[in-house]
Structures are given as C-alpha cells and as structure tokens.
Amino acid sequence: MSDLRDTLAAEGGLLAGTLGADGAVDEFPLAVEAVREGHRLHTGAPRIVTGADPDLALLAGDRLYALGLAKLAERGDLEAISELADVISLCALAQASGDPALAERVWAAGADALEHGRGPDHPGAAATIQSQRGGAQVGRQHGE
C-alpha cells in the first residue's frame, strides 16, 4: 500500500518541501490518510506536512481533501466518498463550535465505517453523532 508521504514526495513542488521527518502514517488507505492530514492541516496539528506556514497549511489541507476524494472517485467508491464528506463537514462543525473531542469521535466513527463498511455495527460518522446527540439530524441521510 502506498502512503501519503510517498505520493506527496513523488509529486514534488511546494508540498514535497514541507514534509516532516516522521515517517509514521495511519494504516488506512491513501485516500483516508490524505483527508485526515487535510483536516489536521486545517486545525493546526499536521503529522506529515509539518513545514507549512499557516496560509500554505490551509491550501495544503484543501489539496489533500481533494486528493483523497479524487482517489476514491477513481475507484468509483461512492459510499466512501459520502462517508468522508460527512466526516469533513462534521469535523468542521465540531472545530467551529470548539469541540475537538467531538471531531475525534467523528473521525473514529467514520474510519470504522470505512474500514468495515457501513452497517448496523459500523453506522458511520453522521449516524453515530446523531445517536450521541439524542437523534438530532446531522450530515446527509444515506440511501436517499
């Protein structure tokens, strides 16, 4: 499995020059790792693209969101795209409301659904957060 660090290094350019020395990456596929690092860049806690100034970090985060979603689109994985879109929007809402712990729960639920496929035991980010918030609707309704 290729990882985000290798992809960014191979692309070269400005982002390749910002890669930190830590070679650790998550064990999720490249697309999920790209979106995760994009979120981290947006919240100021990147693990891979660590040498970017704040303005570049926001642009790099957007680029990594796009890279991850594009990789899934290439595979035709609409369910994963939908799940990650929920994760991105719910994390942004959590961060904006000053609740980084909620953002981490969103990531955990989304990653679980991506790893195992959505189902009763792995409902996804939106359904998990909805149940934790007493049924308040969040995210998109899947299957519509």
N, C-alpha and C. Protein backbone atom coordinates (compact mmCIF):
# COMPACT_ATOMS: atom_id res chain seq x y z
N MET A 1 0.85 -1.17 0.00
CA MET A 1 0.00 0.00 0.00
C MET A 1 0.89 1.23 0.00
N SER A 2 0.61 2.18 -0.89
CA SER A 2 1.38 3.41 -0.93
C SER A 2 0.85 4.34 0.15
N ASP A 3 1.67 5.28 0.59
CA ASP A 3 1.19 6.17 1.63
C ASP A 3 1.23 7.62 1.16
N LEU A 4 0.65 8.48 1.93
CA LEU A 4 0.54 9.88 1.58
C LEU A 4 1.90 10.53 1.43
N ARG A 5 2.82 10.22 2.32
CA ARG A 5 4.17 10.80 2.25
C ARG A 5 4.80 10.51 0.89
N ASP A 6 4.74 9.25 0.43
CA ASP A 6 5.34 8.88 -0.85
C ASP A 6 4.67 9.61 -2.00
N THR A 7 3.37 9.73 -1.95
CA THR A 7 2.63 10.42 -3.01
C THR A 7 3.03 11.88 -3.10
N LEU A 8 3.07 12.56 -1.95
CA LEU A 8 3.44 13.98 -1.95
C LEU A 8 4.90 14.17 -2.38
N ALA A 9 5.78 13.30 -1.92
CA ALA A 9 7.19 13.40 -2.31
C ALA A 9 7.35 13.20 -3.82
N ALA A 10 6.61 12.25 -4.39
CA ALA A 10 6.70 11.97 -5.82
C ALA A 10 6.15 13.12 -6.65
N GLU A 11 5.13 13.82 -6.14
CA GLU A 11 4.58 14.96 -6.87
C GLU A 11 5.56 16.13 -6.90
N GLY A 12 6.42 16.20 -5.90
CA GLY A 12 7.38 17.30 -5.83
C GLY A 12 6.69 18.61 -5.53
N GLY A 13 7.35 19.69 -5.80
CA GLY A 13 6.77 21.01 -5.61
C GLY A 13 6.77 21.46 -4.17
N LEU A 14 5.94 22.45 -3.92
CA LEU A 14 5.90 23.12 -2.63
C LEU A 14 5.56 22.19 -1.47
N LEU A 15 4.56 21.32 -1.64
CA LEU A 15 4.18 20.42 -0.55
C LEU A 15 5.28 19.42 -0.23
N ALA A 16 5.98 18.93 -1.25
CA ALA A 16 7.06 17.96 -1.01
C ALA A 16 8.13 18.57 -0.12
N GLY A 17 8.35 19.87 -0.24
CA GLY A 17 9.35 20.54 0.57
C GLY A 17 8.94 20.77 2.01
N THR A 18 7.68 20.51 2.35
CA THR A 18 7.20 20.74 3.71
C THR A 18 7.07 19.47 4.53
N LEU A 19 7.41 18.32 3.95
CA LEU A 19 7.25 17.05 4.66
C LEU A 19 8.17 16.98 5.86
N GLY A 20 7.62 16.57 7.00
CA GLY A 20 8.42 16.41 8.21
C GLY A 20 9.23 15.13 8.17
N ALA A 21 10.04 14.93 9.18
CA ALA A 21 10.92 13.77 9.23
C ALA A 21 10.22 12.51 9.72
N ASP A 22 9.12 12.63 10.43
CA ASP A 22 8.43 11.48 10.99
C ASP A 22 7.76 10.67 9.89
N GLY A 23 8.15 9.42 9.70
CA GLY A 23 7.61 8.59 8.64
C GLY A 23 6.34 7.85 9.02
N ALA A 24 5.81 8.06 10.21
CA ALA A 24 4.63 7.32 10.64
C ALA A 24 3.40 7.78 9.87
N VAL A 25 2.60 6.82 9.42
CA VAL A 25 1.34 7.13 8.76
C VAL A 25 0.26 6.21 9.34
N ASP A 26 -0.97 6.65 9.20
CA ASP A 26 -2.07 5.80 9.64
C ASP A 26 -2.11 4.55 8.77
N GLU A 27 -2.82 3.55 9.20
CA GLU A 27 -2.89 2.31 8.46
C GLU A 27 -4.10 2.25 7.53
N PHE A 28 -4.76 3.37 7.31
CA PHE A 28 -5.88 3.42 6.38
C PHE A 28 -5.36 3.67 4.98
N PRO A 29 -6.17 3.40 4.00
CA PRO A 29 -5.74 3.63 2.61
C PRO A 29 -5.33 5.09 2.37
N LEU A 30 -4.61 5.29 1.31
CA LEU A 30 -4.09 6.60 0.96
C LEU A 30 -5.18 7.68 0.97
N ALA A 31 -6.33 7.40 0.44
CA ALA A 31 -7.39 8.40 0.35
C ALA A 31 -7.80 8.88 1.73
N VAL A 32 -7.99 7.98 2.66
CA VAL A 32 -8.40 8.35 4.01
C VAL A 32 -7.28 9.12 4.70
N GLU A 33 -6.05 8.69 4.51
CA GLU A 33 -4.92 9.39 5.12
C GLU A 33 -4.79 10.80 4.57
N ALA A 34 -5.04 10.98 3.28
CA ALA A 34 -4.97 12.32 2.70
C ALA A 34 -6.03 13.23 3.32
N VAL A 35 -7.25 12.75 3.45
CA VAL A 35 -8.31 13.56 4.04
C VAL A 35 -8.01 13.84 5.51
N ARG A 36 -7.51 12.85 6.22
CA ARG A 36 -7.17 13.03 7.63
C ARG A 36 -6.08 14.09 7.80
N GLU A 37 -5.05 14.02 6.98
CA GLU A 37 -3.99 15.03 7.07
C GLU A 37 -4.51 16.40 6.65
N GLY A 38 -5.42 16.43 5.69
CA GLY A 38 -6.06 17.70 5.32
C GLY A 38 -6.77 18.32 6.51
N HIS A 39 -7.50 17.51 7.25
CA HIS A 39 -8.18 18.00 8.46
C HIS A 39 -7.15 18.49 9.48
N ARG A 40 -6.11 17.73 9.65
CA ARG A 40 -5.07 18.12 10.61
C ARG A 40 -4.44 19.45 10.22
N LEU A 41 -4.20 19.65 8.95
CA LEU A 41 -3.64 20.93 8.49
C LEU A 41 -4.59 22.08 8.80
N HIS A 42 -5.88 21.84 8.62
CA HIS A 42 -6.86 22.89 8.89
C HIS A 42 -6.96 23.22 10.37
N THR A 43 -6.64 22.28 11.22
CA THR A 43 -6.76 22.52 12.67
C THR A 43 -5.41 22.81 13.33
N GLY A 44 -4.35 22.86 12.54
CA GLY A 44 -3.05 23.22 13.08
C GLY A 44 -2.27 22.10 13.73
N ALA A 45 -2.63 20.85 13.43
CA ALA A 45 -1.94 19.72 14.06
C ALA A 45 -1.53 18.67 13.03
N PRO A 46 -0.83 19.07 11.95
CA PRO A 46 -0.46 18.08 10.94
C PRO A 46 0.60 17.11 11.45
N ARG A 47 0.62 15.92 10.84
CA ARG A 47 1.65 14.93 11.20
C ARG A 47 2.63 14.70 10.07
N ILE A 48 2.24 15.00 8.84
CA ILE A 48 3.10 14.71 7.71
C ILE A 48 3.60 16.00 7.05
N VAL A 49 2.71 16.90 6.74
CA VAL A 49 3.06 18.17 6.11
C VAL A 49 3.29 19.18 7.23
N THR A 50 4.46 19.11 7.85
CA THR A 50 4.70 19.86 9.08
C THR A 50 5.45 21.17 8.88
N GLY A 51 5.96 21.44 7.69
CA GLY A 51 6.76 22.64 7.50
C GLY A 51 6.04 23.78 6.82
N ALA A 52 4.72 23.73 6.75
CA ALA A 52 3.95 24.74 6.03
C ALA A 52 3.59 25.91 6.95
N ASP A 53 3.68 27.15 6.40
CA ASP A 53 3.20 28.30 7.18
C ASP A 53 1.67 28.23 7.21
N PRO A 54 1.00 29.01 8.07
CA PRO A 54 -0.45 28.87 8.23
C PRO A 54 -1.26 29.02 6.94
N ASP A 55 -0.90 29.95 6.08
CA ASP A 55 -1.65 30.11 4.82
C ASP A 55 -1.47 28.90 3.91
N LEU A 56 -0.24 28.43 3.80
CA LEU A 56 0.02 27.26 2.98
C LEU A 56 -0.66 26.02 3.58
N ALA A 57 -0.71 25.95 4.90
CA ALA A 57 -1.35 24.81 5.56
C ALA A 57 -2.82 24.70 5.17
N LEU A 58 -3.52 25.83 5.11
CA LEU A 58 -4.93 25.79 4.70
C LEU A 58 -5.07 25.32 3.26
N LEU A 59 -4.23 25.85 2.38
CA LEU A 59 -4.27 25.42 0.98
C LEU A 59 -3.89 23.96 0.84
N ALA A 60 -2.87 23.54 1.59
CA ALA A 60 -2.46 22.14 1.55
C ALA A 60 -3.57 21.24 2.06
N GLY A 61 -4.27 21.68 3.10
CA GLY A 61 -5.39 20.89 3.61
C GLY A 61 -6.47 20.71 2.56
N ASP A 62 -6.79 21.79 1.85
CA ASP A 62 -7.78 21.69 0.77
C ASP A 62 -7.30 20.74 -0.32
N ARG A 63 -6.02 20.84 -0.65
CA ARG A 63 -5.44 19.97 -1.69
C ARG A 63 -5.53 18.50 -1.28
N LEU A 64 -5.27 18.23 -0.01
CA LEU A 64 -5.31 16.84 0.46
C LEU A 64 -6.74 16.32 0.54
N TYR A 65 -7.70 17.19 0.91
CA TYR A 65 -9.11 16.77 0.84
C TYR A 65 -9.42 16.34 -0.60
N ALA A 66 -9.05 17.19 -1.55
CA ALA A 66 -9.33 16.90 -2.96
C ALA A 66 -8.61 15.64 -3.42
N LEU A 67 -7.35 15.46 -3.02
CA LEU A 67 -6.60 14.26 -3.40
C LEU A 67 -7.29 13.00 -2.89
N GLY A 68 -7.67 13.00 -1.63
CA GLY A 68 -8.32 11.83 -1.05
C GLY A 68 -9.64 11.49 -1.72
N LEU A 69 -10.46 12.52 -1.93
CA LEU A 69 -11.76 12.27 -2.56
C LEU A 69 -11.59 11.87 -4.03
N ALA A 70 -10.61 12.44 -4.70
CA ALA A 70 -10.36 12.06 -6.10
C ALA A 70 -9.91 10.60 -6.20
N LYS A 71 -9.07 10.16 -5.27
CA LYS A 71 -8.63 8.76 -5.28
C LYS A 71 -9.82 7.82 -5.13
N LEU A 72 -10.76 8.20 -4.27
CA LEU A 72 -11.95 7.37 -4.09
C LEU A 72 -12.84 7.42 -5.33
N ALA A 73 -12.93 8.60 -5.95
CA ALA A 73 -13.73 8.73 -7.16
C ALA A 73 -13.16 7.86 -8.29
N GLU A 74 -11.84 7.80 -8.38
CA GLU A 74 -11.20 6.95 -9.39
C GLU A 74 -11.61 5.50 -9.23
N ARG A 75 -11.82 5.09 -8.00
CA ARG A 75 -12.23 3.71 -7.72
C ARG A 75 -13.73 3.53 -7.84
N GLY A 76 -14.46 4.64 -7.95
CA GLY A 76 -15.92 4.57 -8.01
C GLY A 76 -16.54 4.26 -6.65
N ASP A 77 -15.85 4.57 -5.59
CA ASP A 77 -16.29 4.25 -4.24
C ASP A 77 -17.17 5.36 -3.67
N LEU A 78 -18.42 5.40 -4.14
CA LEU A 78 -19.33 6.47 -3.74
C LEU A 78 -19.68 6.42 -2.25
N GLU A 79 -19.75 5.24 -1.69
CA GLU A 79 -20.06 5.13 -0.26
C GLU A 79 -18.93 5.75 0.58
N ALA A 80 -17.69 5.47 0.22
CA ALA A 80 -16.57 6.06 0.96
C ALA A 80 -16.52 7.57 0.77
N ILE A 81 -16.80 8.05 -0.45
CA ILE A 81 -16.84 9.50 -0.69
C ILE A 81 -17.90 10.13 0.19
N SER A 82 -19.05 9.53 0.25
CA SER A 82 -20.14 10.04 1.08
C SER A 82 -19.75 10.07 2.56
N GLU A 83 -19.14 8.99 3.02
CA GLU A 83 -18.72 8.92 4.42
C GLU A 83 -17.68 10.00 4.73
N LEU A 84 -16.68 10.13 3.86
CA LEU A 84 -15.65 11.14 4.11
C LEU A 84 -16.20 12.56 4.00
N ALA A 85 -17.17 12.78 3.11
CA ALA A 85 -17.81 14.10 3.04
C ALA A 85 -18.51 14.41 4.36
N ASP A 86 -19.19 13.42 4.93
CA ASP A 86 -19.81 13.60 6.26
C ASP A 86 -18.74 13.90 7.31
N VAL A 87 -17.66 13.14 7.29
CA VAL A 87 -16.60 13.34 8.26
C VAL A 87 -16.02 14.75 8.15
N ILE A 88 -15.73 15.19 6.93
CA ILE A 88 -15.16 16.53 6.72
C ILE A 88 -16.10 17.60 7.26
N SER A 89 -17.37 17.53 6.89
CA SER A 89 -18.30 18.58 7.32
C SER A 89 -18.57 18.53 8.82
N LEU A 90 -18.71 17.34 9.39
CA LEU A 90 -18.96 17.23 10.82
C LEU A 90 -17.74 17.66 11.64
N CYS A 91 -16.56 17.35 11.15
CA CYS A 91 -15.34 17.81 11.85
C CYS A 91 -15.23 19.32 11.80
N ALA A 92 -15.55 19.91 10.66
CA ALA A 92 -15.51 21.37 10.55
C ALA A 92 -16.50 22.00 11.53
N LEU A 93 -17.69 21.44 11.63
CA LEU A 93 -18.68 21.95 12.58
C LEU A 93 -18.20 21.79 14.02
N ALA A 94 -17.61 20.65 14.33
CA ALA A 94 -17.11 20.40 15.68
C ALA A 94 -16.00 21.38 16.03
N GLN A 95 -15.07 21.58 15.10
CA GLN A 95 -13.97 22.53 15.34
C GLN A 95 -14.51 23.94 15.50
N ALA A 96 -15.46 24.33 14.66
CA ALA A 96 -16.02 25.68 14.72
C ALA A 96 -16.75 25.92 16.04
N SER A 97 -17.31 24.86 16.61
CA SER A 97 -18.02 25.01 17.88
C SER A 97 -17.10 24.78 19.07
N GLY A 98 -15.81 24.63 18.82
CA GLY A 98 -14.84 24.47 19.90
C GLY A 98 -14.89 23.12 20.58
N ASP A 99 -15.22 22.07 19.83
CA ASP A 99 -15.34 20.74 20.40
C ASP A 99 -14.43 19.75 19.66
N PRO A 100 -13.11 19.85 19.88
CA PRO A 100 -12.21 18.93 19.18
C PRO A 100 -12.42 17.46 19.57
N ALA A 101 -12.94 17.21 20.75
CA ALA A 101 -13.21 15.82 21.14
C ALA A 101 -14.31 15.23 20.26
N LEU A 102 -15.30 16.04 19.91
CA LEU A 102 -16.35 15.58 19.00
C LEU A 102 -15.74 15.27 17.63
N ALA A 103 -14.84 16.12 17.17
CA ALA A 103 -14.18 15.86 15.88
C ALA A 103 -13.45 14.52 15.91
N GLU A 104 -12.81 14.20 17.01
CA GLU A 104 -12.13 12.90 17.11
C GLU A 104 -13.11 11.74 17.10
N ARG A 105 -14.27 11.90 17.75
CA ARG A 105 -15.30 10.85 17.71
C ARG A 105 -15.83 10.68 16.29
N VAL A 106 -15.98 11.80 15.58
CA VAL A 106 -16.42 11.73 14.19
C VAL A 106 -15.42 10.94 13.36
N TRP A 107 -14.13 11.24 13.54
CA TRP A 107 -13.10 10.51 12.80
C TRP A 107 -13.12 9.03 13.13
N ALA A 108 -13.25 8.71 14.38
CA ALA A 108 -13.26 7.29 14.78
C ALA A 108 -14.44 6.56 14.15
N ALA A 109 -15.61 7.17 14.19
CA ALA A 109 -16.80 6.53 13.61
C ALA A 109 -16.69 6.42 12.10
N GLY A 110 -16.20 7.47 11.46
CA GLY A 110 -16.04 7.43 10.01
C GLY A 110 -15.01 6.41 9.57
N ALA A 111 -13.89 6.37 10.27
CA ALA A 111 -12.84 5.40 9.93
C ALA A 111 -13.33 3.97 10.12
N ASP A 112 -14.11 3.74 11.17
CA ASP A 112 -14.67 2.41 11.42
C ASP A 112 -15.59 2.00 10.27
N ALA A 113 -16.45 2.92 9.83
CA ALA A 113 -17.36 2.61 8.73
C ALA A 113 -16.59 2.38 7.44
N LEU A 114 -15.51 3.15 7.22
CA LEU A 114 -14.71 2.96 6.02
C LEU A 114 -13.98 1.63 6.03
N GLU A 115 -13.47 1.26 7.19
CA GLU A 115 -12.71 0.02 7.30
C GLU A 115 -13.60 -1.22 7.15
N HIS A 116 -14.80 -1.16 7.71
CA HIS A 116 -15.66 -2.34 7.75
C HIS A 116 -16.87 -2.26 6.83
N GLY A 117 -17.13 -1.09 6.27
CA GLY A 117 -18.36 -0.88 5.51
C GLY A 117 -19.48 -0.48 6.45
N ARG A 118 -20.32 0.42 6.01
CA ARG A 118 -21.44 0.85 6.85
C ARG A 118 -22.40 -0.30 7.06
N GLY A 119 -22.91 -0.36 8.26
CA GLY A 119 -23.89 -1.37 8.61
C GLY A 119 -24.30 -1.17 10.06
N PRO A 120 -25.10 -2.05 10.60
CA PRO A 120 -25.58 -1.89 11.97
C PRO A 120 -24.47 -1.75 13.01
N ASP A 121 -23.37 -2.47 12.81
CA ASP A 121 -22.26 -2.40 13.77
C ASP A 121 -21.29 -1.27 13.47
N HIS A 122 -21.40 -0.66 12.29
CA HIS A 122 -20.50 0.40 11.85
C HIS A 122 -21.33 1.45 11.10
N PRO A 123 -22.13 2.25 11.83
CA PRO A 123 -23.12 3.12 11.18
C PRO A 123 -22.55 4.34 10.46
N GLY A 124 -21.33 4.70 10.72
CA GLY A 124 -20.75 5.88 10.09
C GLY A 124 -20.80 7.09 11.00
N ALA A 125 -20.12 8.14 10.57
CA ALA A 125 -19.95 9.34 11.39
C ALA A 125 -21.27 10.03 11.70
N ALA A 126 -22.07 10.30 10.67
CA ALA A 126 -23.31 11.05 10.89
C ALA A 126 -24.27 10.31 11.82
N ALA A 127 -24.46 9.02 11.58
CA ALA A 127 -25.38 8.24 12.42
C ALA A 127 -24.88 8.12 13.85
N THR A 128 -23.58 7.97 14.01
CA THR A 128 -23.01 7.86 15.35
C THR A 128 -23.19 9.15 16.12
N ILE A 129 -22.88 10.27 15.50
CA ILE A 129 -23.02 11.56 16.17
C ILE A 129 -24.48 11.86 16.42
N GLN A 130 -25.34 11.51 15.48
CA GLN A 130 -26.78 11.72 15.67
C GLN A 130 -27.27 10.97 16.90
N SER A 131 -26.83 9.72 17.07
CA SER A 131 -27.27 8.94 18.23
C SER A 131 -26.71 9.52 19.52
N GLN A 132 -25.48 10.07 19.48
CA GLN A 132 -24.88 10.66 20.67
C GLN A 132 -25.53 11.98 21.04
N ARG A 133 -26.16 12.62 20.07
CA ARG A 133 -26.79 13.92 20.32
C ARG A 133 -28.30 13.78 20.47
N GLY A 134 -28.77 12.61 20.79
CA GLY A 134 -30.18 12.39 21.07
C GLY A 134 -31.07 12.43 19.86
N GLY A 135 -30.52 12.07 18.68
CA GLY A 135 -31.35 11.97 17.49
C GLY A 135 -31.38 13.22 16.63
N ALA A 136 -30.70 14.28 17.01
CA ALA A 136 -30.67 15.48 16.18
C ALA A 136 -30.01 15.13 14.86
N GLN A 137 -30.65 15.52 13.75
CA GLN A 137 -30.15 15.15 12.43
C GLN A 137 -28.86 15.89 12.10
N VAL A 138 -27.86 15.15 11.66
CA VAL A 138 -26.59 15.72 11.20
C VAL A 138 -26.17 15.01 9.94
N GLY A 139 -25.37 15.68 9.11
CA GLY A 139 -24.88 15.04 7.89
C GLY A 139 -25.99 14.78 6.91
N ARG A 140 -25.67 14.03 5.85
CA ARG A 140 -26.64 13.65 4.85
C ARG A 140 -27.35 12.38 5.27
N GLN A 141 -28.52 12.21 4.79
CA GLN A 141 -29.24 10.96 5.02
C GLN A 141 -28.83 10.00 3.91
N HIS A 142 -28.23 8.88 4.26
CA HIS A 142 -27.74 7.92 3.29
C HIS A 142 -28.88 7.08 2.76
N GLY A 143 -28.76 6.76 1.51
CA GLY A 143 -29.76 5.91 0.87
C GLY A 143 -30.91 6.68 0.27
N GLU A 144 -30.82 8.01 0.28
CA GLU A 144 -31.91 8.79 -0.33
C GLU A 144 -31.71 8.88 -1.82
